Structure formats: structure tokens, C-alpha cells
């Protein structure tokens, strides 16, 4: 999963651990923008329309929680893409 585009779209003022790698994200808290939610992060990664499991600091989130769960500096995030197969 290529996450390099994410660091070019936002100011580098929040660092999280995403799938074991340190990533710089923007807070989105200034300029009237919404906070950097899980939904926003998934959209920037191009994963907002794909079935994924998201865990933040060891807590698995329900999809309905993605909009309301804001990310913070130092959060540990795991994203697992779900695929069907047989």
C-alpha cells in the first residue's frame, strides 16, 4: 500500500504509526477544517470505498465509528483490507 501521497497533501504536524511505519499526517484542526478522522484518512489513502478493518491503539473500530473517531499524534493504526476468496 503506497501511502506517500498522504504526506504531500497536508502539513506535517501529526505523526502516527500506520501498519508499523511512522507517517506524518496533518491535523486538519486549523483553517476551519474538520479534525483528521479515520474516514478522512481512509479517503486520502483511497480506501474509503473498500472493505477494511481499522484498529486504533488496539481498539477495532466499527465502520459507523470512522467519521467520529479523530486521530491524534502518536496513535498506532492498523488497516487490513478484506478480500474474498475461496
C-alpha atoms as a PDB file:
ATOM      1  CA  UNK A   1       0.000   0.000   0.000  1.00  0.00           C
ATOM      2  CA  UNK A   2       1.611   3.268  -1.132  1.00  0.00           C
ATOM      3  CA  UNK A   3       0.982   5.956   1.461  1.00  0.00           C
ATOM      4  CA  UNK A   4       3.496   8.529   0.196  1.00  0.00           C
ATOM      5  CA  UNK A   5       0.854  10.818  -1.343  1.00  0.00           C
ATOM      6  CA  UNK A   6      -0.634  11.419   2.081  1.00  0.00           C
ATOM      7  CA  UNK A   7       2.422  13.332   3.285  1.00  0.00           C
ATOM      8  CA  UNK A   8       2.250  15.760   0.351  1.00  0.00           C
ATOM      9  CA  UNK A   9      -1.336  16.933   0.864  1.00  0.00           C
ATOM     10  CA  UNK A  10      -1.275  18.107   4.471  1.00  0.00           C
ATOM     11  CA  UNK A  11       1.109  19.993   6.733  1.00  0.00           C
ATOM     12  CA  UNK A  12       3.385  17.706   8.687  1.00  0.00           C
ATOM     13  CA  UNK A  13       2.165  18.326  12.207  1.00  0.00           C
ATOM     14  CA  UNK A  14       0.942  14.926  13.419  1.00  0.00           C
ATOM     15  CA  UNK A  15       2.808  11.630  13.359  1.00  0.00           C
ATOM     16  CA  UNK A  16       1.122   8.240  13.658  1.00  0.00           C
ATOM     17  CA  UNK A  17       2.307   4.663  13.307  1.00  0.00           C
ATOM     18  CA  UNK A  18       0.420   3.238  10.322  1.00  0.00           C
ATOM     19  CA  UNK A  19       0.782  -0.502   9.738  1.00  0.00           C
ATOM     20  CA  UNK A  20       4.082  -0.450  11.607  1.00  0.00           C
ATOM     21  CA  UNK A  21       5.570   2.575   9.816  1.00  0.00           C
ATOM     22  CA  UNK A  22       5.849   6.147  11.054  1.00  0.00           C
ATOM     23  CA  UNK A  23       3.717   8.506   8.922  1.00  0.00           C
ATOM     24  CA  UNK A  24       3.265  12.259   9.063  1.00  0.00           C
ATOM     25  CA  UNK A  25      -0.328  13.493   8.775  1.00  0.00           C
ATOM     26  CA  UNK A  26      -1.927  16.934   9.017  1.00  0.00           C
ATOM     27  CA  UNK A  27      -4.126  17.688  11.988  1.00  0.00           C
ATOM     28  CA  UNK A  28      -6.766  19.478   9.927  1.00  0.00           C
ATOM     29  CA  UNK A  29      -7.723  21.400  13.048  1.00  0.00           C
ATOM     30  CA  UNK A  30      -6.790  24.820  11.702  1.00  0.00           C
ATOM     31  CA  UNK A  31      -8.448  26.870   8.986  1.00  0.00           C
ATOM     32  CA  UNK A  32     -11.945  25.658   9.797  1.00  0.00           C
ATOM     33  CA  UNK A  33     -11.303  22.140   8.530  1.00  0.00           C
ATOM     34  CA  UNK A  34     -12.671  19.102  10.278  1.00  0.00           C
ATOM     35  CA  UNK A  35     -10.351  17.100  12.504  1.00  0.00           C
ATOM     36  CA  UNK A  36      -8.381  14.288  10.904  1.00  0.00           C
ATOM     37  CA  UNK A  37     -10.834  11.419  11.353  1.00  0.00           C
ATOM     38  CA  UNK A  38     -10.380   7.791  10.401  1.00  0.00           C
ATOM     39  CA  UNK A  39     -12.791   8.406   7.495  1.00  0.00           C
ATOM     40  CA  UNK A  40     -10.683  11.295   6.235  1.00  0.00           C
ATOM     41  CA  UNK A  41      -7.505   9.231   6.431  1.00  0.00           C
ATOM     42  CA  UNK A  42      -9.120   6.345   4.533  1.00  0.00           C
ATOM     43  CA  UNK A  43     -10.305   8.770   1.854  1.00  0.00           C
ATOM     44  CA  UNK A  44      -6.806  10.181   1.400  1.00  0.00           C
ATOM     45  CA  UNK A  45      -5.443   6.646   1.129  1.00  0.00           C
ATOM     46  CA  UNK A  46      -8.064   5.706  -1.464  1.00  0.00           C
ATOM     47  CA  UNK A  47      -9.532   3.096   0.874  1.00  0.00           C
ATOM     48  CA  UNK A  48     -12.842   4.791   1.695  1.00  0.00           C
ATOM     49  CA  UNK A  49     -14.827   2.597  -0.720  1.00  0.00           C
ATOM     50  CA  UNK A  50     -13.123  -0.679   0.132  1.00  0.00           C
ATOM     51  CA  UNK A  51     -13.956  -3.082   2.956  1.00  0.00           C
ATOM     52  CA  UNK A  52     -11.305  -2.549   5.616  1.00  0.00           C
ATOM     53  CA  UNK A  53     -10.778  -3.273   9.274  1.00  0.00           C
ATOM     54  CA  UNK A  54      -9.255  -0.366  11.200  1.00  0.00           C
ATOM     55  CA  UNK A  55      -7.669  -0.681  14.613  1.00  0.00           C
ATOM     56  CA  UNK A  56      -6.509   2.392  16.559  1.00  0.00           C
ATOM     57  CA  UNK A  57      -4.334   1.827  19.627  1.00  0.00           C
ATOM     58  CA  UNK A  58      -5.503  -1.779  19.878  1.00  0.00           C
ATOM     59  CA  UNK A  59      -9.216  -0.961  19.568  1.00  0.00           C
ATOM     60  CA  UNK A  60     -11.021  -2.325  16.497  1.00  0.00           C
ATOM     61  CA  UNK A  61     -13.485   0.245  15.176  1.00  0.00           C
ATOM     62  CA  UNK A  62     -16.875  -0.360  13.634  1.00  0.00           C
ATOM     63  CA  UNK A  63     -17.363   1.286  10.238  1.00  0.00           C
ATOM     64  CA  UNK A  64     -20.026   3.560  11.748  1.00  0.00           C
ATOM     65  CA  UNK A  65     -17.346   4.943  14.120  1.00  0.00           C
ATOM     66  CA  UNK A  66     -14.924   6.032  11.354  1.00  0.00           C
ATOM     67  CA  UNK A  67     -16.442   9.537  10.963  1.00  0.00           C
ATOM     68  CA  UNK A  68     -16.383  10.314  14.686  1.00  0.00           C
ATOM     69  CA  UNK A  69     -13.033   8.795  15.662  1.00  0.00           C
ATOM     70  CA  UNK A  70     -10.376  11.518  15.431  1.00  0.00           C
ATOM     71  CA  UNK A  71      -6.729  10.587  15.142  1.00  0.00           C
ATOM     72  CA  UNK A  72      -4.085  12.030  17.455  1.00  0.00           C
ATOM     73  CA  UNK A  73      -0.325  12.386  17.452  1.00  0.00           C
ATOM     74  CA  UNK A  74       1.307   9.060  18.328  1.00  0.00           C
ATOM     75  CA  UNK A  75      -1.715   6.856  17.533  1.00  0.00           C
ATOM     76  CA  UNK A  76      -0.932   3.326  16.382  1.00  0.00           C
ATOM     77  CA  UNK A  77      -3.158   2.436  13.430  1.00  0.00           C
ATOM     78  CA  UNK A  78      -3.537  -0.881  11.659  1.00  0.00           C
ATOM     79  CA  UNK A  79      -5.511  -1.126   8.416  1.00  0.00           C
ATOM     80  CA  UNK A  80      -6.367  -4.525   6.997  1.00  0.00           C
ATOM     81  CA  UNK A  81      -8.024  -4.800   3.589  1.00  0.00           C
ATOM     82  CA  UNK A  82     -10.607  -7.554   3.431  1.00  0.00           C
ATOM     83  CA  UNK A  83     -10.649  -9.687   0.316  1.00  0.00           C
ATOM     84  CA  UNK A  84     -12.947 -12.512  -0.664  1.00  0.00           C
ATOM     85  CA  UNK A  85     -11.574 -15.727  -1.940  1.00  0.00           C
ATOM     86  CA  UNK A  86     -12.063 -19.380  -1.985  1.00  0.00           C
END
